[in-house]
Structure formats: C-alpha cells, structure tokens
Amino acid sequence: MEFALVSGAFITFVFGVINLGIITYTNAGVHWAVERASRLATISNTATQSDINTSVNNYLSSLGIASATVSYTVAAGTPPIAHIGATLSRSYSIPFVPTLTINYAADTYVPLGS
C-alpha cells in the first residue's frame, strides 16, 4: 500500500535525475564542440563558416546529439578575432511533468592564426 502511494513520486524523481544527466551531458557537448571549432579557427585563418559548422556538428553527431545552428564571424583588427557560437534546442519528457524545452548556447572568441 505504501509503495503505491510513493511510487508515482519516486518514478518521477528517477526520470528527473536521468534527464538532468542528459541535459548536463548535452550542455557540455555543445560547449566542447564550440571549443574544438575554436581551435580550428585559431590555427587556420582560412577556416570558413562551412568548416566551423562541419567541425561543430560532426563532434555533436559523434556524441549522439542533434545538430546545432552555428555562427562564425570575424572582426577586423590586429590580430583578427573570430566569434564562434552555437545554439541547440531540445525537448525532454518526464512522467507527470509538462514537457521541458531547453535551449543550449555556447560561444567563444579567439584570435585567428596567421
């Protein structure tokens, strides 16, 4: 009888903890993908939007995470500074809780290579 009363809350808690782990994993993956792309921009001043986009999304794909929207801009200066950003939106379902939609964003600024 007691288990029947507590099981709903317990199952919600367990699924909530599992989804929290998945959310943290996805957030770390997006940030790490942007950092990897920043290394590409740092060592190669000929990197294009397509190269950066491919770098970010290939890494996310290797982690089993959906593709992100990637932006890449270069500000003139000495040295030129590249801005790389990525955004990703995912929805999560937990029993007895409304669907959660989490928006992930990561960005970095790096000097371009010579």
Protein backbone atom coordinates (compact mmCIF):
# COMPACT_ATOMS: atom_id res chain seq x y z
CA MET A 1 0.00 0.00 0.00
CA GLU A 2 2.77 2.45 0.91
CA PHE A 3 4.63 1.73 -2.32
CA ALA A 4 1.51 2.50 -4.34
CA LEU A 5 1.34 5.91 -2.67
CA VAL A 6 5.03 6.75 -3.14
CA SER A 7 5.77 5.09 -6.50
CA GLY A 8 4.49 7.98 -8.65
CA ALA A 9 6.75 10.49 -6.94
CA PHE A 10 9.67 8.04 -6.92
CA ILE A 11 9.38 7.27 -10.65
CA THR A 12 9.13 11.00 -11.44
CA PHE A 13 12.23 11.63 -9.33
CA VAL A 14 14.21 8.84 -11.05
CA PHE A 15 13.30 10.05 -14.55
CA GLY A 16 14.06 13.63 -13.48
CA VAL A 17 17.57 12.64 -12.34
CA ILE A 18 18.17 10.73 -15.59
CA ASN A 19 17.03 13.72 -17.68
CA LEU A 20 19.17 16.08 -15.60
CA GLY A 21 22.18 13.93 -16.52
CA ILE A 22 21.22 14.03 -20.20
CA ILE A 23 20.77 17.82 -20.05
CA THR A 24 24.18 18.26 -18.43
CA TYR A 25 25.79 15.93 -20.99
CA THR A 26 24.23 17.85 -23.89
CA ASN A 27 25.28 21.22 -22.45
CA ALA A 28 28.87 20.03 -22.00
CA GLY A 29 28.86 18.55 -25.52
CA VAL A 30 27.75 21.83 -27.12
CA HIS A 31 30.38 23.80 -25.22
CA TRP A 32 33.12 21.32 -26.06
CA ALA A 33 32.15 21.28 -29.76
CA VAL A 34 32.48 25.08 -29.91
CA GLU A 35 35.85 24.92 -28.17
CA ARG A 36 37.08 22.33 -30.67
CA ALA A 37 35.95 24.54 -33.54
CA SER A 38 37.76 27.49 -31.97
CA ARG A 39 40.99 25.53 -32.15
CA LEU A 40 40.40 25.04 -35.87
CA ALA A 41 39.88 28.79 -36.35
CA THR A 42 42.94 29.60 -34.25
CA ILE A 43 45.36 27.52 -36.29
CA SER A 44 43.83 28.18 -39.70
CA ASN A 45 42.99 31.69 -40.83
CA THR A 46 41.38 30.21 -43.95
CA ALA A 47 38.62 28.43 -41.97
CA THR A 48 35.19 29.18 -43.41
CA GLN A 49 31.67 29.13 -41.98
CA SER A 50 31.25 25.71 -43.58
CA ASP A 51 34.43 24.35 -41.94
CA ILE A 52 33.39 25.59 -38.50
CA ASN A 53 29.82 24.32 -38.95
CA THR A 54 31.10 20.91 -40.02
CA SER A 55 33.52 20.75 -37.09
CA VAL A 56 30.84 21.55 -34.51
CA ASN A 57 28.13 19.29 -35.93
CA ASN A 58 30.46 16.35 -36.60
CA TYR A 59 31.55 16.40 -32.98
CA LEU A 60 27.95 16.66 -31.75
CA SER A 61 26.99 13.79 -34.05
CA SER A 62 29.78 11.64 -32.61
CA LEU A 63 28.22 12.21 -29.16
CA GLY A 64 24.72 11.35 -30.38
CA ILE A 65 23.50 14.94 -30.06
CA ALA A 66 21.40 16.68 -32.71
CA SER A 67 22.95 19.28 -35.00
CA ALA A 68 23.29 22.84 -33.75
CA THR A 69 22.90 26.16 -35.53
CA VAL A 70 26.41 27.58 -35.83
CA SER A 71 27.51 31.17 -36.41
CA TYR A 72 31.01 32.26 -37.34
CA THR A 73 32.10 35.88 -37.74
CA VAL A 74 35.50 37.54 -37.94
CA ALA A 75 36.11 41.06 -36.64
CA ALA A 76 38.89 43.04 -38.29
CA GLY A 77 41.84 44.00 -36.17
CA THR A 78 45.36 43.00 -35.30
CA PRO A 79 45.00 40.11 -34.82
CA PRO A 80 41.54 39.44 -36.28
CA ILE A 81 39.16 37.97 -33.69
CA ALA A 82 36.78 35.17 -34.59
CA HIS A 83 33.47 34.67 -32.81
CA ILE A 84 32.01 31.17 -32.88
CA GLY A 85 28.57 30.47 -31.47
CA ALA A 86 26.23 27.50 -31.45
CA THR A 87 22.61 27.12 -30.36
CA LEU A 88 20.57 23.98 -29.93
CA SER A 89 17.05 23.35 -28.65
CA ARG A 90 15.82 20.01 -27.28
CA SER A 91 12.64 18.84 -25.56
CA TYR A 92 12.53 16.38 -22.66
CA SER A 93 9.62 14.39 -21.27
CA ILE A 94 9.37 13.39 -17.62
CA PRO A 95 6.35 11.45 -16.32
CA PHE A 96 3.76 13.65 -14.57
CA VAL A 97 5.68 16.84 -15.54
CA PRO A 98 5.00 19.07 -18.57
CA THR A 99 7.45 18.71 -21.45
CA LEU A 100 10.61 20.75 -20.89
CA THR A 101 12.27 22.58 -23.77
CA ILE A 102 15.89 23.51 -23.06
CA ASN A 103 17.82 25.96 -25.24
CA TYR A 104 21.57 25.42 -25.22
CA ALA A 105 24.01 28.13 -26.29
CA ALA A 106 27.79 28.29 -26.36
CA ASP A 107 30.12 30.87 -27.81
CA THR A 108 33.77 31.82 -27.78
CA TYR A 109 36.11 34.47 -29.13
CA VAL A 110 39.57 33.52 -30.40
CA PRO A 111 42.38 35.25 -32.30
CA LEU A 112 42.84 33.88 -35.82
CA GLY A 113 46.02 32.13 -36.82
CA SER A 114 48.50 33.69 -39.23
